[in-house]
Structure formats: C-alpha cells, structure tokens
C-alpha atoms as a PDB file:
ATOM      1  CA  MET A   1      45.510   6.715 112.177  1.00  0.00           C
ATOM      2  CA  GLY A   2      42.876   5.528 108.605  1.00  0.00           C
ATOM      3  CA  PHE A   3      43.396   3.116 106.066  1.00  0.00           C
ATOM      4  CA  CYS A   4      43.477   4.093 102.710  1.00  0.00           C
ATOM      5  CA  VAL A   5      40.212   2.734 100.575  1.00  0.00           C
ATOM      6  CA  THR A   6      42.057   2.269  97.049  1.00  0.00           C
ATOM      7  CA  CYS A   7      45.212  -0.134  98.540  1.00  0.00           C
ATOM      8  CA  GLY A   8      44.176  -0.966 102.446  1.00  0.00           C
ATOM      9  CA  GLN A   9      47.297  -0.030 103.764  1.00  0.00           C
ATOM     10  CA  SER A  10      47.208   2.749 107.018  1.00  0.00           C
ATOM     11  CA  LEU A  11      48.576   6.411 106.435  1.00  0.00           C
ATOM     12  CA  ASN A  12      48.229   8.977 109.268  1.00  0.00           C
ATOM     13  CA  ASP A  13      45.739  11.048 109.265  1.00  0.00           C
ATOM     14  CA  GLY A  14      44.905  14.506 106.461  1.00  0.00           C
ATOM     15  CA  THR A  15      46.887  12.198 104.058  1.00  0.00           C
ATOM     16  CA  ARG A  16      44.965  13.059 100.905  1.00  0.00           C
ATOM     17  CA  PHE A  17      47.142  10.582  99.158  1.00  0.00           C
ATOM     18  CA  CYS A  18      48.404   7.122  99.698  1.00  0.00           C
ATOM     19  CA  ARG A  19      51.851   7.136 100.248  1.00  0.00           C
ATOM     20  CA  PHE A  20      51.803   3.145  98.564  1.00  0.00           C
ATOM     21  CA  CYS A  21      49.515   3.674  95.314  1.00  0.00           C
ATOM     22  CA  GLY A  22      48.580   6.971  94.989  1.00  0.00           C
ATOM     23  CA  GLY A  23      45.241   6.839  96.003  1.00  0.00           C
ATOM     24  CA  GLN A  24      43.559   9.828  96.572  1.00  0.00           C
ATOM     25  CA  GLN A  25      41.843   9.728  99.630  1.00  0.00           C
ATOM     26  CA  PRO A  26      38.783  11.305 100.529  1.00  0.00           C
ATOM     27  CA  GLY A  27      38.746  14.926 102.385  1.00  0.00           C
ATOM     28  CA  GLU A  28      37.606  15.593 106.547  1.00  0.00           C
ATOM     29  CA  GLN A  29      34.161  17.054 105.005  1.00  0.00           C
ATOM     30  CA  LEU A  30      33.090  13.610 103.267  1.00  0.00           C
ATOM     31  CA  LEU A  31      34.172  12.101 106.435  1.00  0.00           C
ATOM     32  CA  ALA A  32      32.376  14.109 109.167  1.00  0.00           C
ATOM     33  CA  ARG A  33      30.221  13.505 106.522  1.00  0.00           C
ATOM     34  CA  LEU A  34      30.173   9.437 106.438  1.00  0.00           C
ATOM     35  CA  ARG A  35      30.819   9.585 109.861  1.00  0.00           C
ATOM     36  CA  ILE A  36      27.198  11.546 110.585  1.00  0.00           C
ATOM     37  CA  GLU A  37      25.210   8.870 108.342  1.00  0.00           C
ATOM     38  CA  ALA A  38      27.327   5.442 110.014  1.00  0.00           C
ATOM     39  CA  GLU A  39      26.031   7.329 113.089  1.00  0.00           C
ATOM     40  CA  GLN A  40      22.146   7.075 111.693  1.00  0.00           C
ATOM     41  CA  ILE A  41      22.323   3.943 110.821  1.00  0.00           C
ATOM     42  CA  ARG A  42      23.838   2.088 113.888  1.00  0.00           C
ATOM     43  CA  GLN A  43      20.432   4.159 115.490  1.00  0.00           C
ATOM     44  CA  ILE A  44      17.955   2.738 113.118  1.00  0.00           C
ATOM     45  CA  ALA A  45      19.520  -0.817 113.230  1.00  0.00           C
ATOM     46  CA  LEU A  46      19.326  -0.355 116.949  1.00  0.00           C
ATOM     47  CA  MET A  47      16.093   0.670 116.754  1.00  0.00           C
ATOM     48  CA  MET A  48      14.415  -1.838 114.487  1.00  0.00           C
ATOM     49  CA  SER A  49      16.712  -4.500 117.062  1.00  0.00           C
ATOM     50  CA  ASN A  50      14.487  -3.038 120.125  1.00  0.00           C
ATOM     51  CA  GLN A  51      11.446  -3.050 118.135  1.00  0.00           C
ATOM     52  CA  GLN A  52      11.417  -7.086 116.933  1.00  0.00           C
ATOM     53  CA  ALA A  53      12.892  -7.543 120.836  1.00  0.00           C
ATOM     54  CA  MET A  54       9.481  -6.527 122.407  1.00  0.00           C
ATOM     55  CA  GLN A  55       7.975  -8.356 119.414  1.00  0.00           C
ATOM     56  CA  GLN A  56       9.749 -11.777 120.607  1.00  0.00           C
ATOM     57  CA  ALA A  57       8.503 -10.773 124.476  1.00  0.00           C
ATOM     58  CA  GLU A  58       5.215 -10.036 123.871  1.00  0.00           C
ATOM     59  CA  TYR A  59       5.128 -13.416 121.227  1.00  0.00           C
ATOM     60  CA  ALA A  60       6.914 -15.625 124.641  1.00  0.00           C
ATOM     61  CA  ALA A  61       4.233 -14.169 126.924  1.00  0.00           C
ATOM     62  CA  ARG A  62       1.172 -14.781 124.817  1.00  0.00           C
ATOM     63  CA  MET A  63       2.464 -17.895 124.114  1.00  0.00           C
ATOM     64  CA  GLN A  64       2.990 -18.398 127.905  1.00  0.00           C
ATOM     65  CA  GLN A  65      -0.531 -17.281 128.103  1.00  0.00           C
ATOM     66  CA  GLN A  66      -2.226 -20.149 125.834  1.00  0.00           C
ATOM     67  CA  GLN A  67       0.056 -22.937 127.203  1.00  0.00           C
ATOM     68  CA  GLN A  68      -1.809 -22.047 130.700  1.00  0.00           C
ATOM     69  CA  GLN A  69      -5.089 -21.637 129.473  1.00  0.00           C
ATOM     70  CA  PHE A  70      -4.512 -25.535 128.516  1.00  0.00           C
ATOM     71  CA  ASN A  71      -3.455 -26.571 130.664  1.00  0.00           C
ATOM     72  CA  GLN A  72      -5.468 -25.553 132.895  1.00  0.00           C
ATOM     73  CA  GLN A  73      -8.912 -26.507 130.583  1.00  0.00           C
ATOM     74  CA  ASN A  74      -6.656 -30.309 130.226  1.00  0.00           C
ATOM     75  CA  PHE A  75      -6.004 -30.251 134.210  1.00  0.00           C
ATOM     76  CA  GLY A  76      -9.213 -29.488 134.913  1.00  0.00           C
ATOM     77  CA  GLN A  77     -10.746 -32.431 132.025  1.00  0.00           C
ATOM     78  CA  GLN A  78      -8.467 -34.634 134.062  1.00  0.00           C
ATOM     79  CA  GLN A  79      -9.870 -34.194 136.884  1.00  0.00           C
ATOM     80  CA  ARG A  80     -13.457 -34.564 136.123  1.00  0.00           C
ATOM     81  CA  ARG A  81     -12.559 -38.139 134.879  1.00  0.00           C
ATOM     82  CA  TRP A  82     -11.512 -39.549 137.861  1.00  0.00           C
END
C-alpha cells in the first residue's frame, strides 16, 4: 500500500494514476532507485552518528583524566599544607 506523491491519499501498489487527484505516480524503476538512495543516506547518517558518539566518548575520557589529574594535584597540595 502506497500513497499518492501529489495529494497523499492511500493507493494500491502499482497504481499509475491517483484515483483521487489524477496525479501520475512514479514507476517501479524510480521507486527502486529512490529506495537504494534512501538506504545509502541512512547508512551515511548512521556512520556519522557513530563517529559523533565516539568523539563524545573520547572527549568525556579526556575530561575525566584531566579532572583526576587536577584532583591529584590539589589533594597533594592540601596534604602538604596540613
């Protein structure tokens, strides 16, 4: 079950013209090509999302390491003052 590209009404698969607005529907070859392009875009978006997650994890690890170093330096200085 598909939808008209012009008016959005529900249509049976393989319908060439919309029974509501008369708009011509894309052929199977075009639909197949669009599905392939949509899958490629989805894969690229997924890869970018994974890369962003990795970058965020690396940033969080660096911040945690810097915080630990800061705490060690300050803790050591506080012990010397007492």
